[in-house]
Amino acid sequence: MIGQEQLRQGMGVVSADGDTLGHVKLVRQGDFLLDRPLQRDLYVPFDAVDAVEGDWARLTIPARWIDGMGWPSPRLLAAAGQPVEPPLPPAPPRE
């Protein structure tokens, strides 16, 4: 199994079908943060990594399955570095 020792920040990440997905932004215990251009970043579990070769990590799944895996994303941050709160529900209509 691939572990924290094999992955490092800046490595490229490709899908099982060879599509470039992004790069490793952060390595944690049990997963890593996949930085995807123009898409939400995802925490990818180590068991989804098939192999590490040179500066590349290859996942066990094809690119089209990535968004359906249910992997978490980091919280969004506001410009000042504060967490973005979810939007409030609309106010009830006035009578």
N, C-alpha and C. Protein backbone atom coordinates (compact mmCIF):
# COMPACT_ATOMS: atom_id res chain seq x y z
N MET A 1 0.84 -1.19 0.00
CA MET A 1 0.00 0.00 0.00
C MET A 1 0.88 1.25 0.00
N ILE A 2 0.46 2.23 -0.75
CA ILE A 2 1.17 3.51 -0.80
C ILE A 2 0.92 4.24 0.52
N GLY A 3 1.96 4.88 1.04
CA GLY A 3 1.83 5.59 2.31
C GLY A 3 2.39 6.99 2.23
N GLN A 4 2.38 7.61 3.37
CA GLN A 4 2.82 9.00 3.51
C GLN A 4 4.26 9.19 3.06
N GLU A 5 5.08 8.15 3.18
CA GLU A 5 6.49 8.27 2.84
C GLU A 5 6.72 8.40 1.33
N GLN A 6 5.84 7.80 0.52
CA GLN A 6 6.04 7.81 -0.93
C GLN A 6 5.54 9.08 -1.61
N LEU A 7 4.54 9.72 -1.02
CA LEU A 7 3.96 10.92 -1.64
C LEU A 7 4.63 12.17 -1.09
N ARG A 8 4.77 13.17 -1.94
CA ARG A 8 5.34 14.43 -1.50
C ARG A 8 4.68 15.60 -2.24
N GLN A 9 4.74 16.74 -1.61
CA GLN A 9 4.15 17.95 -2.16
C GLN A 9 4.74 18.24 -3.53
N GLY A 10 3.87 18.61 -4.49
CA GLY A 10 4.30 18.98 -5.83
C GLY A 10 4.27 17.85 -6.84
N MET A 11 4.11 16.61 -6.40
CA MET A 11 4.03 15.49 -7.34
C MET A 11 2.81 15.63 -8.23
N GLY A 12 2.93 15.22 -9.48
CA GLY A 12 1.79 15.18 -10.37
C GLY A 12 0.91 13.98 -10.04
N VAL A 13 -0.37 14.08 -10.36
CA VAL A 13 -1.32 12.99 -10.11
C VAL A 13 -2.08 12.72 -11.40
N VAL A 14 -2.10 11.44 -11.80
CA VAL A 14 -2.84 11.03 -12.99
C VAL A 14 -3.86 9.97 -12.61
N SER A 15 -4.91 9.86 -13.43
CA SER A 15 -5.94 8.85 -13.22
C SER A 15 -5.47 7.52 -13.77
N ALA A 16 -6.25 6.47 -13.51
CA ALA A 16 -5.92 5.14 -14.04
C ALA A 16 -5.91 5.12 -15.56
N ASP A 17 -6.71 6.00 -16.18
CA ASP A 17 -6.75 6.07 -17.64
C ASP A 17 -5.79 7.10 -18.22
N GLY A 18 -4.87 7.63 -17.38
CA GLY A 18 -3.79 8.47 -17.87
C GLY A 18 -4.05 9.96 -17.94
N ASP A 19 -5.24 10.43 -17.50
CA ASP A 19 -5.52 11.87 -17.52
C ASP A 19 -4.80 12.55 -16.36
N THR A 20 -4.17 13.69 -16.65
CA THR A 20 -3.55 14.47 -15.59
C THR A 20 -4.64 15.15 -14.78
N LEU A 21 -4.62 14.95 -13.45
CA LEU A 21 -5.66 15.49 -12.57
C LEU A 21 -5.22 16.73 -11.81
N GLY A 22 -3.94 16.86 -11.56
CA GLY A 22 -3.44 17.98 -10.78
C GLY A 22 -2.15 17.58 -10.09
N HIS A 23 -1.94 18.13 -8.88
CA HIS A 23 -0.74 17.78 -8.14
C HIS A 23 -1.03 17.68 -6.65
N VAL A 24 -0.10 17.06 -5.94
CA VAL A 24 -0.21 16.90 -4.49
C VAL A 24 0.08 18.24 -3.83
N LYS A 25 -0.89 18.74 -3.11
CA LYS A 25 -0.74 20.03 -2.44
C LYS A 25 -0.29 19.86 -0.99
N LEU A 26 -0.74 18.77 -0.36
CA LEU A 26 -0.47 18.53 1.06
C LEU A 26 -0.60 17.04 1.31
N VAL A 27 0.29 16.49 2.11
CA VAL A 27 0.21 15.08 2.49
C VAL A 27 -0.11 15.00 3.97
N ARG A 28 -1.16 14.24 4.29
CA ARG A 28 -1.56 14.04 5.68
C ARG A 28 -1.47 12.55 6.01
N GLN A 29 -1.81 12.21 7.21
CA GLN A 29 -1.83 10.80 7.59
C GLN A 29 -3.10 10.17 7.02
N GLY A 30 -2.94 9.26 6.06
CA GLY A 30 -4.09 8.57 5.49
C GLY A 30 -4.60 9.11 4.17
N ASP A 31 -4.24 10.36 3.82
CA ASP A 31 -4.70 10.92 2.55
C ASP A 31 -3.80 12.07 2.12
N PHE A 32 -4.10 12.60 0.93
CA PHE A 32 -3.39 13.78 0.45
C PHE A 32 -4.38 14.71 -0.22
N LEU A 33 -4.03 15.98 -0.28
CA LEU A 33 -4.88 16.98 -0.91
C LEU A 33 -4.48 17.10 -2.37
N LEU A 34 -5.40 16.79 -3.25
CA LEU A 34 -5.20 16.89 -4.69
C LEU A 34 -5.62 18.27 -5.14
N ASP A 35 -4.66 19.05 -5.61
CA ASP A 35 -4.91 20.40 -6.13
C ASP A 35 -5.30 20.25 -7.60
N ARG A 36 -6.57 20.53 -7.91
CA ARG A 36 -7.07 20.38 -9.28
C ARG A 36 -7.32 21.75 -9.89
N PRO A 37 -6.77 22.02 -11.07
CA PRO A 37 -6.99 23.33 -11.69
C PRO A 37 -8.46 23.52 -12.06
N LEU A 38 -8.99 24.68 -11.71
CA LEU A 38 -10.35 25.10 -12.04
C LEU A 38 -11.43 24.17 -11.46
N GLN A 39 -11.09 23.40 -10.42
CA GLN A 39 -12.05 22.53 -9.74
C GLN A 39 -11.72 22.52 -8.25
N ARG A 40 -12.69 22.09 -7.44
CA ARG A 40 -12.45 21.98 -6.00
C ARG A 40 -11.37 20.95 -5.73
N ASP A 41 -10.48 21.25 -4.80
CA ASP A 41 -9.48 20.30 -4.36
C ASP A 41 -10.17 19.15 -3.61
N LEU A 42 -9.52 18.00 -3.58
CA LEU A 42 -10.08 16.83 -2.91
C LEU A 42 -9.03 16.16 -2.04
N TYR A 43 -9.48 15.60 -0.90
CA TYR A 43 -8.62 14.76 -0.09
C TYR A 43 -8.75 13.33 -0.63
N VAL A 44 -7.67 12.79 -1.17
CA VAL A 44 -7.67 11.47 -1.79
C VAL A 44 -7.02 10.48 -0.82
N PRO A 45 -7.73 9.39 -0.47
CA PRO A 45 -7.14 8.41 0.44
C PRO A 45 -5.99 7.66 -0.22
N PHE A 46 -5.02 7.24 0.59
CA PHE A 46 -3.87 6.52 0.05
C PHE A 46 -4.26 5.24 -0.67
N ASP A 47 -5.34 4.59 -0.24
CA ASP A 47 -5.71 3.33 -0.90
C ASP A 47 -6.23 3.53 -2.32
N ALA A 48 -6.43 4.78 -2.73
CA ALA A 48 -6.82 5.08 -4.11
C ALA A 48 -5.60 5.28 -5.02
N VAL A 49 -4.39 5.19 -4.45
CA VAL A 49 -3.16 5.35 -5.22
C VAL A 49 -2.65 3.97 -5.63
N ASP A 50 -2.52 3.77 -6.92
CA ASP A 50 -2.04 2.50 -7.46
C ASP A 50 -0.52 2.41 -7.42
N ALA A 51 0.16 3.48 -7.80
CA ALA A 51 1.62 3.45 -7.88
C ALA A 51 2.18 4.86 -7.82
N VAL A 52 3.42 4.94 -7.39
CA VAL A 52 4.19 6.18 -7.43
C VAL A 52 5.43 5.89 -8.26
N GLU A 53 5.59 6.66 -9.33
CA GLU A 53 6.73 6.47 -10.24
C GLU A 53 7.38 7.82 -10.50
N GLY A 54 8.58 7.99 -10.00
CA GLY A 54 9.27 9.27 -10.18
C GLY A 54 8.50 10.40 -9.50
N ASP A 55 8.12 11.40 -10.28
CA ASP A 55 7.39 12.56 -9.76
C ASP A 55 5.90 12.46 -9.98
N TRP A 56 5.38 11.24 -10.20
CA TRP A 56 3.96 11.05 -10.50
C TRP A 56 3.33 9.99 -9.62
N ALA A 57 2.09 10.24 -9.20
CA ALA A 57 1.28 9.26 -8.51
C ALA A 57 0.11 8.90 -9.43
N ARG A 58 -0.14 7.61 -9.60
CA ARG A 58 -1.25 7.16 -10.45
C ARG A 58 -2.34 6.57 -9.57
N LEU A 59 -3.57 7.03 -9.79
CA LEU A 59 -4.71 6.54 -9.02
C LEU A 59 -5.25 5.24 -9.60
N THR A 60 -6.07 4.56 -8.82
CA THR A 60 -6.66 3.29 -9.23
C THR A 60 -7.95 3.46 -10.01
N ILE A 61 -8.43 4.69 -10.14
CA ILE A 61 -9.73 4.92 -10.78
C ILE A 61 -9.59 5.86 -11.98
N PRO A 62 -10.52 5.75 -12.94
CA PRO A 62 -10.47 6.65 -14.09
C PRO A 62 -10.92 8.07 -13.71
N ALA A 63 -10.52 9.02 -14.52
CA ALA A 63 -10.81 10.43 -14.26
C ALA A 63 -12.31 10.70 -14.12
N ARG A 64 -13.13 10.04 -14.90
CA ARG A 64 -14.57 10.33 -14.88
C ARG A 64 -15.23 9.93 -13.56
N TRP A 65 -14.57 9.13 -12.74
CA TRP A 65 -15.13 8.70 -11.45
C TRP A 65 -14.74 9.60 -10.28
N ILE A 66 -13.76 10.46 -10.47
CA ILE A 66 -13.19 11.24 -9.36
C ILE A 66 -14.26 12.00 -8.57
N ASP A 67 -15.10 12.75 -9.25
CA ASP A 67 -16.09 13.57 -8.54
C ASP A 67 -17.18 12.75 -7.88
N GLY A 68 -17.38 11.52 -8.29
CA GLY A 68 -18.41 10.68 -7.70
C GLY A 68 -17.93 9.82 -6.55
N MET A 69 -16.68 9.96 -6.15
CA MET A 69 -16.13 9.11 -5.10
C MET A 69 -16.56 9.53 -3.69
N GLY A 70 -17.06 10.73 -3.56
CA GLY A 70 -17.48 11.21 -2.23
C GLY A 70 -16.34 11.64 -1.33
N TRP A 71 -15.17 11.89 -1.92
CA TRP A 71 -14.04 12.35 -1.13
C TRP A 71 -14.26 13.78 -0.68
N PRO A 72 -13.86 14.11 0.54
CA PRO A 72 -14.10 15.47 1.05
C PRO A 72 -13.21 16.51 0.38
N SER A 73 -13.70 17.75 0.44
CA SER A 73 -12.94 18.92 -0.02
C SER A 73 -12.62 19.77 1.19
N PRO A 74 -11.55 20.55 1.12
CA PRO A 74 -11.26 21.47 2.23
C PRO A 74 -12.30 22.57 2.29
N ARG A 75 -12.44 23.15 3.46
CA ARG A 75 -13.37 24.28 3.61
C ARG A 75 -12.89 25.45 2.78
N LEU A 76 -13.81 26.20 2.24
CA LEU A 76 -13.46 27.42 1.51
C LEU A 76 -13.04 28.49 2.50
N LEU A 77 -12.10 29.32 2.09
CA LEU A 77 -11.64 30.41 2.94
C LEU A 77 -11.93 31.73 2.27
N ALA A 78 -12.30 32.71 3.07
CA ALA A 78 -12.52 34.06 2.57
C ALA A 78 -11.16 34.71 2.32
N ALA A 79 -11.16 35.84 1.68
CA ALA A 79 -9.92 36.54 1.34
C ALA A 79 -9.08 36.85 2.58
N ALA A 80 -9.73 37.12 3.70
CA ALA A 80 -9.02 37.47 4.92
C ALA A 80 -8.55 36.22 5.68
N GLY A 81 -8.79 35.03 5.12
CA GLY A 81 -8.35 33.82 5.77
C GLY A 81 -9.35 33.24 6.74
N GLN A 82 -10.54 33.79 6.78
CA GLN A 82 -11.57 33.29 7.67
C GLN A 82 -12.45 32.27 6.95
N PRO A 83 -12.95 31.24 7.66
CA PRO A 83 -13.82 30.27 6.99
C PRO A 83 -15.07 30.95 6.43
N VAL A 84 -15.50 30.48 5.29
CA VAL A 84 -16.71 30.98 4.67
C VAL A 84 -17.88 30.23 5.28
N GLU A 85 -18.82 30.94 5.81
CA GLU A 85 -19.99 30.31 6.40
C GLU A 85 -20.98 29.97 5.29
N PRO A 86 -21.76 28.91 5.49
CA PRO A 86 -22.77 28.60 4.47
C PRO A 86 -23.78 29.73 4.39
N PRO A 87 -24.39 29.94 3.23
CA PRO A 87 -25.35 31.04 3.10
C PRO A 87 -26.55 30.83 4.00
N LEU A 88 -27.11 31.92 4.46
CA LEU A 88 -28.31 31.84 5.29
C LEU A 88 -29.50 31.49 4.42
N PRO A 89 -30.49 30.80 4.98
CA PRO A 89 -31.70 30.52 4.20
C PRO A 89 -32.42 31.83 3.91
N PRO A 90 -33.23 31.87 2.85
CA PRO A 90 -33.94 33.11 2.56
C PRO A 90 -34.92 33.47 3.68
N ALA A 91 -35.09 34.76 3.88
CA ALA A 91 -36.02 35.23 4.90
C ALA A 91 -37.45 34.91 4.48
N PRO A 92 -38.29 34.61 5.47
CA PRO A 92 -39.70 34.34 5.10
C PRO A 92 -40.35 35.61 4.55
N PRO A 93 -41.32 35.47 3.66
CA PRO A 93 -41.98 36.67 3.11
C PRO A 93 -42.73 37.42 4.19
N ARG A 94 -42.75 38.75 4.03
CA ARG A 94 -43.49 39.60 4.98
C ARG A 94 -44.95 39.64 4.57
N GLU A 95 -45.77 39.65 5.56
CA GLU A 95 -47.20 39.70 5.25
C GLU A 95 -47.76 41.08 5.38
